[in-house]
Amino acid sequence: MAAAVQQRLSELLSPLGFQCEPFLIGWYNAVMQPSFHLQYPDDTLAFVVLSMPQMFEKAFKPFIVGKQLSSVQDPIDDCVAHYFSLVKKNFSDQKIEAIHDFEMLPNRRPKVLVQSAAHVAGAAYYYQMKDVQKNPWGEKKMYGVCIHPRYGGWFAIRGVLIFPDVQAPSLEQKLPVDCVSTDEKKIQVLERFNLHWRDWTYRDIIDVEERYSEEQKQYFATPPAERFKLLGLKSDCSSMTSGGNQQSTTHGAL
């Protein structure tokens, strides 16, 4: 059942520049504090959804051109929400709970820590301070960052799709690729992400197959409130999610 669901998801989302990887709720809950647990049985099937570099051209630009938006909060978030809704329509025979990376609980905690979800699904390795053998930072907090084995940091984790009525107890867990192999490199990627994330050098911590296009780089390098000018859109909202620092709201323990 899990393989069939994954195939259908891939047929829908892969041509648009998304990657979907399965995991079980129990895998996620096992590495999270109870306050972050997802309230489903352990063998419930879920998928983490990542956007690859080509998503901007294959999904985002067609979405903007084909939809007359007179008032939006964040174009990228609206775009992902649009394609998640299409998934639900194409899975009319299944119940799907979609949780976006930007969604918060009333206490301002993220509804799901997508970096941890990506790690347990084997989609990307979530590098944290504990992965460094000799901690050079002392008591200073360094947030973790996910690195994709093919795209390095040139990707984003957009959310999870949960299938509450699908149990997949026989699903085998795939370990993420530890592609940042040395202690020195792990220190570099954490420092670059925490201290210099605006220069994007953390994204190239490994050799990558593809990066963001120049147009996409320009979009994400533009302050959020000014991105509407690039798209010819108007916004009634004074605050927006970042969109560019895609892992900014996904910090969590694994």
Protein backbone atom coordinates (compact mmCIF):
# COMPACT_ATOMS: atom_id res chain seq x y z
CA MET A 1 0.00 0.00 0.00
CA ALA A 2 2.81 2.43 0.89
CA ALA A 3 4.55 1.78 -2.42
CA ALA A 4 1.34 2.37 -4.36
CA VAL A 5 0.69 5.66 -2.54
CA GLN A 6 4.26 6.80 -3.12
CA GLN A 7 4.03 6.03 -6.81
CA ARG A 8 0.85 8.05 -7.16
CA LEU A 9 2.36 10.96 -5.25
CA SER A 10 5.51 10.87 -7.35
CA GLU A 11 3.50 10.86 -10.57
CA LEU A 12 1.72 14.00 -9.40
CA LEU A 13 4.53 15.97 -7.77
CA SER A 14 7.84 14.88 -9.30
CA PRO A 15 7.13 16.60 -12.67
CA LEU A 16 6.59 19.80 -10.66
CA GLY A 17 9.97 19.64 -8.93
CA PHE A 18 8.91 18.06 -5.64
CA GLN A 19 10.34 14.98 -3.91
CA CYS A 20 8.23 12.82 -1.59
CA GLU A 21 9.68 10.31 0.86
CA PRO A 22 7.64 8.03 3.15
CA PHE A 23 7.96 7.62 6.89
CA LEU A 24 5.91 6.27 9.76
CA ILE A 25 4.54 8.52 12.47
CA GLY A 26 6.21 6.29 15.06
CA TRP A 27 9.66 7.01 13.58
CA TYR A 28 9.07 10.73 13.94
CA ASN A 29 7.58 10.56 17.43
CA ALA A 30 10.44 8.36 18.62
CA VAL A 31 12.95 11.19 18.16
CA MET A 32 10.73 14.05 19.34
CA GLN A 33 9.79 15.36 22.75
CA PRO A 34 6.20 14.43 23.70
CA SER A 35 5.03 18.01 23.20
CA PHE A 36 5.92 17.70 19.49
CA HIS A 37 4.35 14.27 18.91
CA LEU A 38 1.92 13.84 16.03
CA GLN A 39 -1.26 12.33 17.37
CA TYR A 40 -1.62 9.29 15.11
CA PRO A 41 -0.88 5.57 15.58
CA ASP A 42 2.79 4.67 15.18
CA ASP A 43 2.31 2.73 11.94
CA THR A 44 0.42 5.55 10.19
CA LEU A 45 1.89 6.39 6.78
CA ALA A 46 3.17 9.90 6.08
CA PHE A 47 5.35 11.63 3.50
CA VAL A 48 7.75 14.53 3.79
CA VAL A 49 7.62 16.84 0.76
CA LEU A 50 10.73 18.63 -0.46
CA SER A 51 11.04 21.20 -3.24
CA MET A 52 14.00 20.75 -5.55
CA PRO A 53 15.74 23.59 -7.46
CA GLN A 54 13.50 23.05 -10.51
CA MET A 55 10.31 23.63 -8.50
CA PHE A 56 10.61 27.38 -9.09
CA GLU A 57 10.38 26.98 -12.85
CA LYS A 58 8.10 23.92 -13.01
CA ALA A 59 5.57 24.76 -10.30
CA PHE A 60 5.95 28.28 -8.90
CA LYS A 61 6.14 30.33 -12.10
CA PRO A 62 3.21 28.52 -13.78
CA PHE A 63 1.20 28.98 -10.57
CA ILE A 64 1.87 32.74 -10.53
CA VAL A 65 1.15 33.18 -14.24
CA GLY A 66 -1.98 31.05 -14.23
CA LYS A 67 -3.59 32.47 -11.10
CA GLN A 68 -4.72 36.06 -10.73
CA LEU A 69 -3.70 36.90 -7.17
CA SER A 70 -4.83 40.28 -5.94
CA SER A 71 -3.97 39.67 -2.29
CA VAL A 72 -1.56 37.06 -0.98
CA GLN A 73 0.52 36.65 2.16
CA ASP A 74 3.40 34.64 0.72
CA PRO A 75 3.48 33.51 -2.93
CA ILE A 76 5.64 30.42 -2.28
CA ASP A 77 3.46 29.25 0.61
CA ASP A 78 0.32 29.81 -1.47
CA CYS A 79 1.91 27.88 -4.33
CA VAL A 80 2.73 24.86 -2.17
CA ALA A 81 -0.72 24.98 -0.59
CA HIS A 82 -2.22 24.94 -4.08
CA TYR A 83 -0.35 21.79 -5.08
CA PHE A 84 -1.11 20.10 -1.76
CA SER A 85 -4.80 20.76 -2.46
CA LEU A 86 -4.41 19.16 -5.89
CA VAL A 87 -2.93 16.10 -4.21
CA LYS A 88 -6.00 15.86 -1.99
CA LYS A 89 -8.29 16.11 -5.02
CA ASN A 90 -6.36 13.37 -6.81
CA PHE A 91 -6.54 11.18 -3.71
CA SER A 92 -10.28 11.59 -3.25
CA ASP A 93 -10.42 7.98 -2.08
CA GLN A 94 -8.03 8.72 0.78
CA LYS A 95 -8.10 11.04 3.76
CA ILE A 96 -5.02 13.28 3.79
CA GLU A 97 -3.87 15.65 6.53
CA ALA A 98 -1.46 18.25 5.15
CA ILE A 99 0.81 20.17 7.50
CA HIS A 100 2.90 22.97 6.01
CA ASP A 101 6.35 23.91 7.23
CA PHE A 102 5.10 27.37 8.25
CA GLU A 103 2.08 26.27 10.32
CA MET A 104 2.15 27.07 14.03
CA LEU A 105 0.21 25.93 17.07
CA PRO A 106 -1.49 28.55 19.28
CA ASN A 107 1.59 28.48 21.55
CA ARG A 108 3.74 29.44 18.50
CA ARG A 109 5.38 26.05 18.26
CA PRO A 110 5.62 24.55 14.77
CA LYS A 111 2.98 21.92 14.09
CA VAL A 112 5.69 19.69 12.65
CA LEU A 113 9.49 19.90 12.71
CA VAL A 114 10.10 19.21 9.06
CA GLN A 115 13.85 18.80 9.33
CA SER A 116 13.37 15.89 11.72
CA ALA A 117 10.72 14.46 9.40
CA ALA A 118 13.13 14.67 6.46
CA HIS A 119 15.82 12.89 8.48
CA VAL A 120 13.68 9.96 9.65
CA ALA A 121 12.34 9.58 6.11
CA GLY A 122 15.90 9.35 4.78
CA ALA A 123 15.38 12.35 2.50
CA ALA A 124 18.09 14.60 3.91
CA TYR A 125 20.51 14.45 6.81
CA TYR A 126 19.70 16.78 9.70
CA TYR A 127 23.05 17.99 11.01
CA GLN A 128 23.10 19.22 14.60
CA MET A 129 25.63 20.08 17.27
CA LYS A 130 25.58 16.51 18.52
CA ASP A 131 26.94 15.34 15.16
CA VAL A 132 30.19 17.20 15.83
CA GLN A 133 32.67 15.16 17.87
CA LYS A 134 34.57 18.14 19.26
CA ASN A 135 32.20 21.01 20.03
CA PRO A 136 34.03 24.33 19.34
CA TRP A 137 31.11 26.53 20.47
CA GLY A 138 30.80 25.75 24.16
CA GLU A 139 27.36 26.75 25.44
CA LYS A 140 26.48 28.74 22.32
CA LYS A 141 23.37 27.46 20.54
CA MET A 142 23.83 26.41 16.94
CA TYR A 143 20.69 25.52 15.01
CA GLY A 144 20.70 22.39 12.88
CA VAL A 145 20.43 22.27 9.11
CA CYS A 146 19.39 19.61 6.59
CA ILE A 147 21.68 18.76 3.69
CA HIS A 148 20.40 16.82 0.68
CA PRO A 149 22.77 14.20 -0.82
CA ARG A 150 22.14 15.47 -4.37
CA TYR A 151 21.33 19.15 -3.90
CA GLY A 152 23.23 20.11 -0.76
CA GLY A 153 21.35 23.10 0.66
CA TRP A 154 19.66 24.01 -2.63
CA PHE A 155 16.25 22.70 -1.63
CA ALA A 156 13.47 23.32 0.89
CA ILE A 157 11.28 21.15 3.09
CA ARG A 158 7.69 22.20 2.47
CA GLY A 159 5.66 20.03 4.81
CA VAL A 160 4.23 16.58 5.43
CA LEU A 161 1.26 14.68 4.07
CA ILE A 162 -0.30 12.23 6.53
CA PHE A 163 -2.58 9.37 5.48
CA PRO A 164 -4.50 8.64 8.73
CA ASP A 165 -6.31 5.60 7.34
CA VAL A 166 -3.22 3.93 5.87
CA GLN A 167 -1.13 1.74 8.15
CA ALA A 168 2.20 0.48 6.84
CA PRO A 169 3.87 -1.51 9.65
CA SER A 170 6.15 -3.34 7.19
CA LEU A 171 7.66 -0.14 5.74
CA GLU A 172 11.45 -0.28 6.10
CA GLN A 173 13.19 2.83 7.34
CA LYS A 174 15.80 4.31 5.01
CA LEU A 175 18.68 6.06 6.73
CA PRO A 176 19.66 9.50 5.40
CA VAL A 177 22.97 9.83 3.58
CA ASP A 178 25.67 11.33 5.81
CA CYS A 179 27.06 13.36 2.93
CA VAL A 180 28.93 15.90 5.07
CA SER A 181 31.40 13.27 6.12
CA THR A 182 34.10 15.03 8.15
CA ASP A 183 33.94 16.82 11.50
CA GLU A 184 35.52 19.88 9.92
CA LYS A 185 32.82 20.07 7.24
CA LYS A 186 30.06 19.61 9.80
CA ILE A 187 31.43 22.51 11.81
CA GLN A 188 31.59 24.57 8.61
CA VAL A 189 28.03 23.89 7.55
CA LEU A 190 26.60 24.68 11.00
CA GLU A 191 28.59 27.90 11.25
CA ARG A 192 27.75 28.98 7.73
CA PHE A 193 24.05 28.29 8.27
CA ASN A 194 23.86 30.01 11.65
CA LEU A 195 26.23 32.92 11.12
CA HIS A 196 26.31 33.55 7.37
CA TRP A 197 23.12 32.05 5.95
CA ARG A 198 22.49 35.14 3.82
CA ASP A 199 25.51 34.39 1.63
CA TRP A 200 24.15 30.87 0.96
CA THR A 201 27.60 29.25 1.15
CA TYR A 202 26.22 26.52 3.42
CA ARG A 203 24.24 25.26 0.43
CA ASP A 204 27.46 24.32 -1.37
CA ILE A 205 29.03 22.39 1.52
CA ILE A 206 29.07 19.38 -0.86
CA ASP A 207 29.23 19.06 -4.63
CA VAL A 208 25.70 19.40 -5.97
CA GLU A 209 23.89 18.29 -9.11
CA GLU A 210 21.86 21.48 -9.48
CA ARG A 211 21.46 24.90 -7.87
CA TYR A 212 18.74 27.52 -7.93
CA SER A 213 18.49 29.45 -11.19
CA GLU A 214 19.67 33.06 -11.21
CA GLU A 215 16.06 34.21 -11.33
CA GLN A 216 15.22 32.07 -8.30
CA LYS A 217 18.26 33.36 -6.41
CA GLN A 218 17.16 36.91 -7.11
CA TYR A 219 13.66 36.17 -5.84
CA PHE A 220 14.82 34.67 -2.55
CA ALA A 221 17.54 37.30 -2.07
CA THR A 222 14.91 40.03 -2.29
CA PRO A 223 13.36 41.08 1.06
CA PRO A 224 9.96 39.34 1.43
CA ALA A 225 7.88 42.51 1.30
CA GLU A 226 9.55 43.54 -1.97
CA ARG A 227 9.11 40.21 -3.77
CA PHE A 228 5.63 41.20 -4.86
CA LYS A 229 7.14 43.82 -7.13
CA LEU A 230 9.04 41.10 -8.97
CA LEU A 231 5.79 39.20 -9.51
CA GLY A 232 3.44 42.10 -10.12
CA LEU A 233 1.34 41.21 -7.08
CA LYS A 234 -0.20 43.22 -4.27
CA SER A 235 -0.32 42.24 -0.61
CA ASP A 236 -2.57 43.41 2.21
CA CYS A 237 -0.28 41.81 4.76
CA SER A 238 2.43 43.72 6.57
CA SER A 239 4.18 40.55 7.77
CA MET A 240 5.26 37.60 5.69
CA THR A 241 7.05 34.33 6.17
CA SER A 242 10.65 34.36 5.01
CA GLY A 243 10.50 31.91 2.10
CA GLY A 244 14.21 32.38 1.41
CA ASN A 245 15.74 30.94 4.56
CA GLN A 246 13.63 27.84 4.09
CA GLN A 247 14.79 26.05 7.21
CA SER A 248 14.29 28.99 9.59
CA THR A 249 11.18 27.61 11.34
CA THR A 250 12.14 23.97 11.39
CA HIS A 251 14.59 23.74 14.26
CA GLY A 252 14.06 20.75 16.50
CA ALA A 253 15.65 17.81 18.23
CA LEU A 254 16.39 14.50 16.58
